[in-house]
Protein backbone atom coordinates (compact mmCIF):
# COMPACT_ATOMS: atom_id res chain seq x y z
CA MET A 1 -52.34 23.23 -8.64
CA SER A 2 -50.81 24.95 -11.65
CA ALA A 3 -47.93 23.45 -13.65
CA SER A 4 -45.53 26.19 -12.53
CA ARG A 5 -46.34 25.57 -8.85
CA ILE A 6 -45.80 21.83 -9.28
CA THR A 7 -42.44 22.50 -10.96
CA THR A 8 -41.46 24.88 -8.15
CA ALA A 9 -42.53 22.35 -5.51
CA ARG A 10 -40.51 19.58 -7.21
CA ARG A 11 -37.44 21.80 -7.36
CA LEU A 12 -37.82 22.70 -3.71
CA VAL A 13 -38.14 19.02 -2.70
CA ALA A 14 -35.10 18.13 -4.84
CA ALA A 15 -33.05 20.92 -3.23
CA VAL A 16 -34.02 19.79 0.28
CA LEU A 17 -33.15 16.17 -0.51
CA ALA A 18 -29.83 17.17 -2.08
CA SER A 19 -28.84 19.30 0.91
CA GLY A 20 -29.78 16.45 3.25
CA ALA A 21 -27.53 14.11 1.30
CA VAL A 22 -24.64 16.55 1.55
CA VAL A 23 -25.10 16.89 5.31
CA ALA A 24 -25.33 13.10 5.72
CA ALA A 25 -22.22 12.54 3.62
CA ALA A 26 -20.27 15.07 5.69
CA ALA A 27 -21.39 13.44 8.95
CA VAL A 28 -20.43 9.88 8.04
CA PRO A 29 -16.63 10.38 8.00
CA ALA A 30 -16.73 12.11 11.38
CA SER A 31 -18.42 9.12 12.99
CA ALA A 32 -16.55 6.51 10.96
CA ASP A 33 -12.99 7.64 11.62
CA GLY A 34 -12.38 4.81 14.05
CA GLY A 35 -9.98 2.99 11.76
CA ARG A 36 -10.34 -0.49 10.33
CA ASP A 37 -10.57 -2.24 13.66
CA GLY A 38 -12.66 0.45 15.40
CA ARG A 39 -10.04 0.89 18.12
CA HIS A 40 -8.47 4.10 16.90
CA HIS A 41 -9.72 7.65 17.39
CA ARG A 42 -8.23 10.63 15.64
CA SER A 43 -9.03 14.35 15.67
CA VAL A 44 -8.24 16.78 12.87
CA SER A 45 -4.81 17.52 14.34
CA PRO A 46 -1.73 16.62 12.29
CA VAL A 47 -0.24 15.15 15.49
CA VAL A 48 -0.99 11.43 15.89
CA ILE A 49 0.07 8.36 17.81
CA SER A 50 1.90 6.61 15.00
CA LYS A 51 3.16 3.45 16.67
CA VAL A 52 3.08 1.64 20.03
CA GLN A 53 5.57 -0.94 21.30
CA ALA A 54 3.68 -2.00 24.43
CA ASP A 55 5.39 -5.35 24.91
CA SER A 56 9.08 -4.94 25.59
CA PRO A 57 10.89 -7.66 23.62
CA GLY A 58 12.06 -10.54 25.78
CA ARG A 59 11.22 -11.01 29.41
CA ASP A 60 9.77 -7.98 31.19
CA THR A 61 12.14 -6.85 33.90
CA ARG A 62 12.56 -3.58 35.70
CA SER A 63 15.89 -2.99 34.00
CA ASN A 64 16.20 0.34 32.25
CA HIS A 65 16.85 -1.54 29.00
CA SER A 66 13.53 -3.42 29.31
CA LEU A 67 11.64 -0.28 30.36
CA ASN A 68 12.99 1.72 27.42
CA ALA A 69 12.09 -1.05 24.99
CA GLU A 70 8.42 -0.19 25.52
CA TRP A 71 7.50 3.10 23.91
CA VAL A 72 4.93 5.16 22.02
CA GLU A 73 5.73 7.18 18.91
CA VAL A 74 3.98 10.50 18.31
CA SER A 75 4.27 11.99 14.82
CA ASN A 76 3.54 15.37 13.32
CA THR A 77 2.18 14.61 9.85
CA GLY A 78 1.86 18.29 9.00
CA ARG A 79 4.44 20.63 7.51
CA ARG A 80 4.54 23.09 10.41
CA ALA A 81 6.00 22.52 13.85
CA VAL A 82 3.56 21.99 16.74
CA ASN A 83 4.27 23.07 20.31
CA LEU A 84 3.40 20.06 22.48
CA ARG A 85 4.12 21.85 25.78
CA GLY A 86 1.43 20.77 28.23
CA TRP A 87 0.14 17.92 26.03
CA THR A 88 -0.18 14.55 27.76
CA LEU A 89 0.11 10.87 26.92
CA THR A 90 -1.82 8.59 29.30
CA ASP A 91 -2.61 4.92 29.76
CA GLU A 92 -5.92 3.42 30.92
CA ASP A 93 -4.83 3.62 34.57
CA GLY A 94 -4.20 7.37 34.34
CA GLN A 95 -0.41 7.22 34.33
CA ARG A 96 0.58 10.42 32.57
CA TYR A 97 3.55 11.79 30.68
CA ARG A 98 3.53 15.56 30.14
CA PHE A 99 5.29 16.89 27.05
CA ASN A 100 7.63 19.86 27.08
CA LEU A 101 8.82 19.99 23.48
CA ARG A 102 8.20 21.37 20.02
CA LEU A 103 7.65 18.70 17.36
CA ASP A 104 8.92 19.74 13.95
CA GLY A 105 6.80 19.18 10.86
CA ARG A 106 7.03 15.71 9.34
CA SER A 107 8.87 14.35 12.37
CA THR A 108 8.40 11.75 15.11
CA VAL A 109 9.35 11.53 18.77
CA ARG A 110 9.54 8.24 20.70
CA ILE A 111 8.41 8.36 24.33
CA HIS A 112 10.27 5.64 26.29
CA THR A 113 9.11 4.43 29.70
CA GLY A 114 12.48 4.26 31.47
CA GLU A 115 15.22 6.74 32.21
CA GLY A 116 17.41 8.50 29.68
CA ARG A 117 18.55 11.79 28.23
CA ASP A 118 15.93 13.58 26.12
CA THR A 119 16.77 14.34 22.49
CA ARG A 120 14.74 15.59 19.54
CA ARG A 121 13.82 12.00 18.60
CA ASP A 122 13.64 10.29 22.01
CA VAL A 123 12.21 11.43 25.35
CA PHE A 124 11.99 9.49 28.58
CA GLN A 125 9.32 9.20 31.27
CA ASP A 126 11.93 8.31 33.90
CA ARG A 127 9.77 5.53 35.36
CA ARG A 128 10.93 2.42 37.18
CA ASN A 129 7.91 0.27 36.25
CA HIS A 130 6.31 -0.64 32.93
CA VAL A 131 3.40 1.56 31.86
CA TRP A 132 1.86 -0.20 28.87
CA ASP A 133 0.08 -3.54 29.22
CA ASN A 134 1.46 -6.25 26.94
CA ASP A 135 -1.88 -7.86 26.06
CA ARG A 136 -4.28 -4.95 25.83
CA GLY A 137 -4.43 -1.24 26.44
CA THR A 138 -5.07 2.23 25.15
CA ALA A 139 -2.70 5.15 24.77
CA THR A 140 -4.42 8.55 24.73
CA LEU A 141 -2.86 11.78 23.49
CA ARG A 142 -4.44 15.02 24.75
CA ASP A 143 -3.63 18.63 23.94
CA ASP A 144 -2.87 21.30 26.54
CA ARG A 145 -6.61 21.90 27.01
CA GLY A 146 -7.33 18.24 27.75
CA ARG A 147 -9.01 17.51 24.41
CA VAL A 148 -8.40 14.02 23.01
CA ILE A 149 -6.22 14.32 19.93
CA ASP A 150 -5.64 10.63 19.23
CA THR A 151 -5.95 7.19 20.82
CA GLU A 152 -4.44 3.87 19.92
CA SER A 153 -5.69 0.58 21.39
CA TRP A 154 -4.39 -2.95 21.16
CA GLY A 155 -5.44 -6.42 22.34
CA ARG A 156 -8.52 -7.37 24.31
CA HIS A 157 -10.71 -4.61 25.74
CA HIS A 158 -11.40 -5.77 29.26
CA ARG A 159 -9.84 -4.98 32.59
CA GLY A 160 -7.36 -7.49 33.86
CA GLY A 161 -4.01 -7.96 35.47
CA ARG A 162 -0.88 -6.13 34.41
CA HIS A 163 2.09 -7.74 32.65
């Protein structure tokens, strides 16, 4: 084999290896976006589940005060408003809240379990029973096409009794 062919072959192998490294590096973040504890999933949307208060402070009762003390916050981390009409927030048992609001850029809305009057910062599911398990659970945010946008999990990951 001539020296020029060997040089060309080496360059070709180097280019193939370099492109493989670029592809591998791009793939790692997509599969490793599960957060530090591996219990969080996030898409490329600027809308995220930013906080969950699954355990209402104090004793769990069916009072509206207790129900509204459990909530999930959804934040728009982007600059532009996002229309959440038709988006859903669900628990592991399939209980669903359907959004009908526009979330401004760099803003947060708190979704309470109980009854109340919706505002720009607080909306209410109008339920008479707790939704979120105190000890473990997963909240899932889906867009209007049913695609998972974000999930947030807490506690043990096995099926068990409620509250």
